[in-house]
Amino acid sequence: MQENPGPHLPYGPQAAGYPYPQQAPPWFVAVPRGARFDHLAAIPGVRPWRAIVGTLIVGAGFLAIGVVVVISFMLGTELFGLPEAVDPETGVPRGTAYGLAMTLLSIAPVLLLVQGTAALVQRRRPGTLSSVAGRLRWSWMAWCGALAVLALALGQGAQYLALSLSGLDAGMFGWTGWSAFLPLIIVIVLLVPFQAAAEEYVFRGWFMQAVGAHVRSPVWGILIGSALFASLHGYSWAGLVDVFAFGAVMAWLAVRTGGLEAPIALHVVNNVVAFGISAAAGDLEDALDQAKVPVPWQALAGTVVQLGVYAFGVMYLAKKQSIRTISE
């Protein structure tokens, strides 16, 4: 009988005492378990300075993308005879499909910038910007979208009633004709979802989580982020109150529901309807000049109703559907 030759001896570098090759650590670091949405960037082993550097990159990129897009559209006018995208006297975007596309595309690509910054600078999966599940929860966002339509309709009704009772012009609808409206509504439907989502990913996603990497309370991220969001608008004081309140409620819902689905849903519906009404009435160019948009304080009644109905409805649905609010 053949004797057992003993254990197999390795050949090659390992036989000479060299260590076995070690596998490189993965680039993406896992987010902490049991963390709120605003704490998903507080990853053990990832230094907090990455959140600060990433915020500077996102802010500078936001401005740079806007400048590049505007210049590109203006060059399109000069070199290829395309319609003017900007009024040369006022600097306000034209109320045409070309001018509206420029306005929306100056913001929409920021969505990719934020995702890339999370991956390359913070070393975390971009999906963690969307929710505690690491992705957008599409079915949940669809429910929020349906609720957003109801909340917007009730808010518009409350605004109409408040303005009428105050003796102000409550006329919100008009019709310019299909030839002018059709190209605009195509641009609105195709680009507004990306523009609105980009703003949510910047202010309720990236910024909330960047602040959350340094502080435990979400209050600072909600207040500062909402103030920055409002500062990008040029409305009168009542309009700025409306925008700040919108940002604050959306940030609060992001924390309470564990993701951006509810903020994105209302933002998209709100912007599609707002742009659509202005395009239908033929006064889109006036609407794009925010400094000239009259926002009487009575219109805030619609803001209160819309945000109140939406926040209550989202929290009710989130509880009924057991929406996850912390990471696993």
Protein backbone atom coordinates (compact mmCIF):
# COMPACT_ATOMS: atom_id res chain seq x y z
CA MET A 1 0.00 0.00 0.00
CA GLN A 2 1.29 3.44 -0.97
CA GLU A 3 2.18 5.61 1.98
CA ASN A 4 0.49 8.93 2.54
CA PRO A 5 2.87 11.48 1.00
CA GLY A 6 1.82 14.10 3.55
CA PRO A 7 0.42 17.55 3.01
CA HIS A 8 0.84 19.22 -0.35
CA LEU A 9 3.73 21.67 -0.33
CA PRO A 10 3.28 24.99 -2.14
CA TYR A 11 5.51 25.94 -5.00
CA GLY A 12 6.43 29.39 -6.23
CA PRO A 13 7.01 32.57 -4.18
CA GLN A 14 4.85 31.39 -1.27
CA ALA A 15 7.17 28.39 -0.79
CA ALA A 16 10.07 30.75 -0.27
CA GLY A 17 8.30 32.55 2.54
CA TYR A 18 6.59 35.30 0.60
CA PRO A 19 3.14 36.29 1.93
CA TYR A 20 0.04 35.44 -0.02
CA PRO A 21 -1.31 38.39 -2.07
CA GLN A 22 -3.98 40.37 -0.22
CA GLN A 23 -7.16 41.60 -1.90
CA ALA A 24 -7.44 45.39 -2.20
CA PRO A 25 -10.11 46.90 0.06
CA PRO A 26 -13.31 47.98 -1.76
CA TRP A 27 -13.58 51.64 -2.71
CA PHE A 28 -17.15 52.07 -1.47
CA VAL A 29 -17.47 52.05 2.30
CA ALA A 30 -20.67 50.74 3.85
CA VAL A 31 -22.91 53.29 5.53
CA PRO A 32 -23.59 52.85 9.25
CA ARG A 33 -26.50 50.65 10.26
CA GLY A 34 -29.48 52.15 12.05
CA ALA A 35 -28.67 55.64 10.77
CA ARG A 36 -31.16 58.35 9.83
CA PHE A 37 -31.15 59.72 6.30
CA ASP A 38 -29.21 62.84 7.31
CA HIS A 39 -26.49 60.70 8.95
CA LEU A 40 -25.69 58.46 5.97
CA ALA A 41 -22.50 60.42 5.25
CA ALA A 42 -21.22 59.93 8.83
CA ILE A 43 -19.33 56.78 7.84
CA PRO A 44 -16.74 55.33 10.22
CA GLY A 45 -13.32 55.41 8.57
CA VAL A 46 -14.24 58.19 6.12
CA ARG A 47 -12.84 61.46 7.41
CA PRO A 48 -15.36 64.31 7.89
CA TRP A 49 -13.26 66.68 5.76
CA ARG A 50 -14.52 64.81 2.73
CA ALA A 51 -18.01 66.20 3.35
CA ILE A 52 -16.61 69.74 3.45
CA VAL A 53 -14.51 69.32 0.31
CA GLY A 54 -17.42 67.66 -1.45
CA THR A 55 -19.71 70.57 -0.57
CA LEU A 56 -17.23 73.03 -2.08
CA ILE A 57 -17.04 70.92 -5.23
CA VAL A 58 -20.83 70.71 -5.52
CA GLY A 59 -21.23 74.45 -4.96
CA ALA A 60 -18.54 75.42 -7.47
CA GLY A 61 -19.80 72.85 -9.95
CA PHE A 62 -23.36 74.13 -9.62
CA LEU A 63 -22.22 77.61 -10.67
CA ALA A 64 -19.83 76.35 -13.37
CA ILE A 65 -22.44 74.16 -15.02
CA GLY A 66 -24.88 77.06 -15.17
CA VAL A 67 -22.29 79.35 -16.77
CA VAL A 68 -21.21 76.74 -19.33
CA VAL A 69 -24.79 75.95 -20.35
CA VAL A 70 -25.76 79.61 -20.74
CA ILE A 71 -22.64 80.36 -22.81
CA SER A 72 -23.26 77.27 -24.95
CA PHE A 73 -26.83 78.33 -25.73
CA MET A 74 -25.70 81.88 -26.54
CA LEU A 75 -23.04 80.48 -28.88
CA GLY A 76 -25.76 78.41 -30.52
CA THR A 77 -27.54 81.64 -31.32
CA GLU A 78 -24.43 83.32 -32.70
CA LEU A 79 -22.95 80.40 -34.65
CA PHE A 80 -25.98 78.45 -35.82
CA GLY A 81 -28.71 81.06 -35.97
CA LEU A 82 -30.78 79.48 -33.21
CA PRO A 83 -33.36 81.64 -31.39
CA GLU A 84 -32.18 83.93 -28.63
CA ALA A 85 -32.13 82.15 -25.29
CA VAL A 86 -31.57 85.32 -23.23
CA ASP A 87 -32.94 88.83 -23.57
CA PRO A 88 -29.76 90.90 -24.18
CA GLU A 89 -31.22 93.95 -22.41
CA THR A 90 -32.54 92.34 -19.22
CA GLY A 91 -30.53 89.12 -19.09
CA VAL A 92 -33.76 87.19 -18.45
CA PRO A 93 -34.25 83.86 -20.28
CA ARG A 94 -36.65 84.06 -23.19
CA GLY A 95 -40.06 82.47 -22.77
CA THR A 96 -39.43 80.15 -25.71
CA ALA A 97 -38.69 76.44 -25.80
CA TYR A 98 -35.03 77.27 -26.42
CA GLY A 99 -34.84 79.72 -23.53
CA LEU A 100 -36.69 77.37 -21.18
CA ALA A 101 -34.44 74.45 -22.15
CA MET A 102 -31.41 76.59 -21.30
CA THR A 103 -32.88 77.45 -17.90
CA LEU A 104 -33.63 73.84 -16.99
CA LEU A 105 -30.40 72.41 -18.40
CA SER A 106 -28.36 74.89 -16.37
CA ILE A 107 -29.50 72.95 -13.29
CA ALA A 108 -30.35 69.38 -14.37
CA PRO A 109 -26.74 68.14 -14.94
CA VAL A 110 -25.92 68.94 -11.30
CA LEU A 111 -27.68 65.66 -10.57
CA LEU A 112 -24.70 63.79 -12.06
CA LEU A 113 -22.23 66.06 -10.28
CA VAL A 114 -23.70 65.25 -6.87
CA GLN A 115 -23.75 61.51 -7.56
CA GLY A 116 -20.16 61.56 -8.74
CA THR A 117 -18.97 63.61 -5.77
CA ALA A 118 -20.54 61.16 -3.33
CA ALA A 119 -18.80 58.26 -5.07
CA LEU A 120 -15.37 59.77 -5.63
CA VAL A 121 -14.93 62.10 -2.65
CA GLN A 122 -16.95 60.47 0.13
CA ARG A 123 -16.39 56.90 -1.11
CA ARG A 124 -20.00 55.92 -0.67
CA ARG A 125 -22.52 54.53 -3.09
CA PRO A 126 -24.47 57.32 -4.86
CA GLY A 127 -27.70 55.53 -4.02
CA THR A 128 -27.29 56.55 -0.39
CA LEU A 129 -28.14 60.09 -1.48
CA SER A 130 -31.56 58.80 -2.49
CA SER A 131 -32.68 56.95 0.62
CA VAL A 132 -31.71 54.75 3.53
CA ALA A 133 -32.43 51.78 1.24
CA GLY A 134 -29.54 52.86 -1.03
CA ARG A 135 -31.82 53.58 -3.99
CA LEU A 136 -34.92 55.48 -5.04
CA ARG A 137 -38.03 53.64 -3.88
CA TRP A 138 -40.07 54.13 -7.05
CA SER A 139 -43.38 52.71 -5.84
CA TRP A 140 -43.23 54.94 -2.76
CA MET A 141 -42.45 57.96 -4.93
CA ALA A 142 -45.46 57.15 -7.13
CA TRP A 143 -47.74 57.25 -4.08
CA CYS A 144 -46.19 60.58 -3.10
CA GLY A 145 -46.72 61.88 -6.63
CA ALA A 146 -50.45 61.11 -6.50
CA LEU A 147 -50.69 62.84 -3.13
CA ALA A 148 -48.75 65.82 -4.52
CA VAL A 149 -51.39 66.36 -7.21
CA LEU A 150 -54.13 66.45 -4.57
CA ALA A 151 -52.16 68.78 -2.28
CA LEU A 152 -51.36 71.13 -5.16
CA ALA A 153 -54.99 71.28 -6.26
CA LEU A 154 -56.16 72.12 -2.74
CA GLY A 155 -53.38 74.69 -2.37
CA GLN A 156 -54.31 76.38 -5.64
CA GLY A 157 -57.93 76.49 -4.52
CA ALA A 158 -56.99 78.06 -1.19
CA GLN A 159 -54.80 80.63 -2.95
CA TYR A 160 -57.58 81.53 -5.39
CA LEU A 161 -60.04 81.96 -2.51
CA ALA A 162 -57.64 84.07 -0.43
CA LEU A 163 -56.86 86.39 -3.33
CA SER A 164 -60.52 86.73 -4.30
CA LEU A 165 -61.60 87.59 -0.76
CA SER A 166 -58.86 90.23 -0.64
CA GLY A 167 -60.13 91.86 -3.81
CA LEU A 168 -56.97 90.94 -5.75
CA ASP A 169 -56.83 89.53 -9.25
CA ALA A 170 -56.99 85.76 -8.83
CA GLY A 171 -56.84 84.98 -12.54
CA MET A 172 -54.32 82.17 -12.89
CA PHE A 173 -55.22 80.66 -16.23
CA GLY A 174 -55.04 81.71 -19.87
CA TRP A 175 -54.55 80.19 -23.31
CA THR A 176 -51.98 81.18 -25.90
CA GLY A 177 -52.76 78.46 -28.44
CA TRP A 178 -51.35 75.05 -29.30
CA SER A 179 -48.64 76.32 -31.65
CA ALA A 180 -46.93 78.22 -28.81
CA PHE A 181 -47.84 75.84 -26.00
CA LEU A 182 -46.88 72.45 -27.50
CA PRO A 183 -43.09 72.98 -27.80
CA LEU A 184 -43.00 74.43 -24.29
CA ILE A 185 -44.91 71.58 -22.66
CA ILE A 186 -42.62 69.05 -24.36
CA VAL A 187 -39.57 70.75 -22.85
CA ILE A 188 -41.32 70.97 -19.47
CA VAL A 189 -42.27 67.29 -19.36
CA LEU A 190 -38.83 66.12 -20.53
CA LEU A 191 -36.57 68.36 -18.43
CA VAL A 192 -38.43 69.57 -15.33
CA PRO A 193 -38.22 66.16 -13.54
CA PHE A 194 -34.41 66.26 -13.82
CA GLN A 195 -34.19 69.94 -12.83
CA ALA A 196 -36.41 69.45 -9.78
CA ALA A 197 -34.65 66.22 -8.77
CA ALA A 198 -31.24 67.90 -9.10
CA GLU A 199 -32.26 70.62 -6.65
CA GLU A 200 -33.54 68.02 -4.20
CA TYR A 201 -30.33 65.99 -4.42
CA VAL A 202 -28.27 69.12 -3.77
CA PHE A 203 -30.21 70.73 -0.90
CA ARG A 204 -32.18 67.89 0.71
CA GLY A 205 -29.72 65.15 -0.21
CA TRP A 206 -26.09 66.22 -0.33
CA PHE A 207 -26.25 69.28 1.92
CA MET A 208 -28.42 67.64 4.59
CA GLN A 209 -26.07 64.67 4.77
CA ALA A 210 -22.92 66.82 4.66
CA VAL A 211 -24.15 68.73 7.70
CA GLY A 212 -25.27 65.47 9.29
CA ALA A 213 -21.72 64.17 9.06
CA HIS A 214 -20.77 66.76 11.70
CA VAL A 215 -23.87 67.31 13.87
CA ARG A 216 -26.49 64.99 15.28
CA SER A 217 -29.57 67.20 15.07
CA PRO A 218 -31.17 67.60 11.61
CA VAL A 219 -32.37 71.11 12.49
CA TRP A 220 -29.18 72.81 11.29
CA GLY A 221 -29.22 71.07 7.95
CA ILE A 222 -32.93 71.86 7.48
CA LEU A 223 -32.63 75.57 8.33
CA ILE A 224 -29.33 76.35 6.58
CA GLY A 225 -30.18 74.28 3.52
CA SER A 226 -33.60 75.93 3.19
CA ALA A 227 -32.03 79.38 3.50
CA LEU A 228 -29.51 78.57 0.76
CA PHE A 229 -32.31 77.17 -1.41
CA ALA A 230 -34.35 80.36 -0.97
CA SER A 231 -31.32 82.54 -1.70
CA LEU A 232 -31.20 81.21 -5.26
CA HIS A 233 -34.60 82.73 -5.97
CA GLY A 234 -35.33 86.38 -6.70
CA TYR A 235 -38.90 86.73 -5.48
CA SER A 236 -40.31 89.37 -3.14
CA TRP A 237 -40.38 88.64 0.59
CA ALA A 238 -43.63 86.64 0.39
CA GLY A 239 -42.22 84.52 -2.40
CA LEU A 240 -39.03 83.88 -0.44
CA VAL A 241 -41.09 82.83 2.59
CA ASP A 242 -42.92 80.39 0.31
CA VAL A 243 -39.66 78.93 -1.03
CA PHE A 244 -38.05 78.69 2.42
CA ALA A 245 -41.12 76.95 3.84
CA PHE A 246 -41.16 74.54 0.90
CA GLY A 247 -37.48 73.69 1.45
CA ALA A 248 -37.88 73.25 5.19
CA VAL A 249 -40.89 70.94 4.91
CA MET A 250 -39.22 68.88 2.17
CA ALA A 251 -36.06 68.49 4.27
CA TRP A 252 -38.13 67.46 7.29
CA LEU A 253 -39.98 64.87 5.19
CA ALA A 254 -36.68 63.53 3.85
CA VAL A 255 -35.53 62.86 7.40
CA ARG A 256 -38.86 61.46 8.60
CA THR A 257 -39.35 59.16 5.58
CA GLY A 258 -35.72 58.21 5.11
CA GLY A 259 -35.33 59.46 1.55
CA LEU A 260 -35.87 62.01 -1.19
CA GLU A 261 -38.91 60.38 -2.78
CA ALA A 262 -41.49 62.65 -1.11
CA PRO A 263 -39.53 65.89 -1.78
CA ILE A 264 -38.85 64.97 -5.41
CA ALA A 265 -42.48 64.05 -6.07
CA LEU A 266 -43.90 67.36 -4.85
CA HIS A 267 -41.12 69.41 -6.43
CA VAL A 268 -41.67 67.83 -9.85
CA VAL A 269 -45.46 68.18 -9.72
CA ASN A 270 -45.21 71.75 -8.43
CA ASN A 271 -42.76 72.85 -11.14
CA VAL A 272 -44.54 71.07 -14.01
CA VAL A 273 -47.82 72.75 -13.07
CA ALA A 274 -46.22 76.17 -12.46
CA PHE A 275 -44.31 76.18 -15.74
CA GLY A 276 -47.25 74.64 -17.55
CA ILE A 277 -49.74 77.29 -16.40
CA SER A 278 -47.37 80.10 -17.38
CA ALA A 279 -46.67 78.49 -20.75
CA ALA A 280 -50.39 78.03 -21.45
CA ALA A 281 -51.08 81.66 -20.61
CA GLY A 282 -48.22 82.89 -22.79
CA ASP A 283 -46.41 84.70 -19.98
CA LEU A 284 -43.56 82.27 -19.34
CA GLU A 285 -40.92 84.94 -19.90
CA ASP A 286 -42.44 87.12 -17.19
CA ALA A 287 -42.57 84.09 -14.87
CA LEU A 288 -38.85 83.40 -15.44
CA ASP A 289 -38.06 86.96 -14.31
CA GLN A 290 -38.59 86.22 -10.62
CA ALA A 291 -37.96 89.80 -9.56
CA LYS A 292 -41.10 90.82 -11.44
CA VAL A 293 -43.32 87.97 -10.26
CA PRO A 294 -45.93 89.49 -7.93
CA VAL A 295 -46.38 87.31 -4.85
CA PRO A 296 -48.92 88.95 -2.50
CA TRP A 297 -48.82 87.77 1.07
CA GLN A 298 -52.37 86.43 0.74
CA ALA A 299 -51.01 83.80 -1.64
CA LEU A 300 -49.24 82.19 1.33
CA ALA A 301 -52.62 80.70 2.28
CA GLY A 302 -52.15 78.32 -0.62
CA THR A 303 -48.65 77.47 0.60
CA VAL A 304 -49.95 76.60 4.06
CA VAL A 305 -52.70 74.36 2.68
CA GLN A 306 -50.51 72.64 0.11
CA LEU A 307 -47.60 71.90 2.44
CA GLY A 308 -49.88 71.01 5.35
CA VAL A 309 -51.95 68.53 3.34
CA TYR A 310 -48.86 67.02 1.75
CA ALA A 311 -46.86 66.64 4.97
CA PHE A 312 -49.81 65.08 6.82
CA GLY A 313 -50.61 62.78 3.91
CA VAL A 314 -46.99 61.64 3.44
CA MET A 315 -46.59 60.82 7.11
CA TYR A 316 -49.89 58.92 7.13
CA LEU A 317 -48.97 56.89 4.05
CA ALA A 318 -45.44 56.25 5.32
CA LYS A 319 -46.85 54.78 8.52
CA LYS A 320 -49.46 52.69 6.69
CA GLN A 321 -46.85 51.29 4.29
CA SER A 322 -44.13 50.86 6.93
CA ILE A 323 -41.64 52.93 4.96
CA ARG A 324 -38.12 52.35 6.27
CA THR A 325 -36.62 55.43 7.92
CA ILE A 326 -33.21 54.11 9.04
CA SER A 327 -30.49 52.19 7.26
CA GLU A 328 -29.98 48.45 7.67
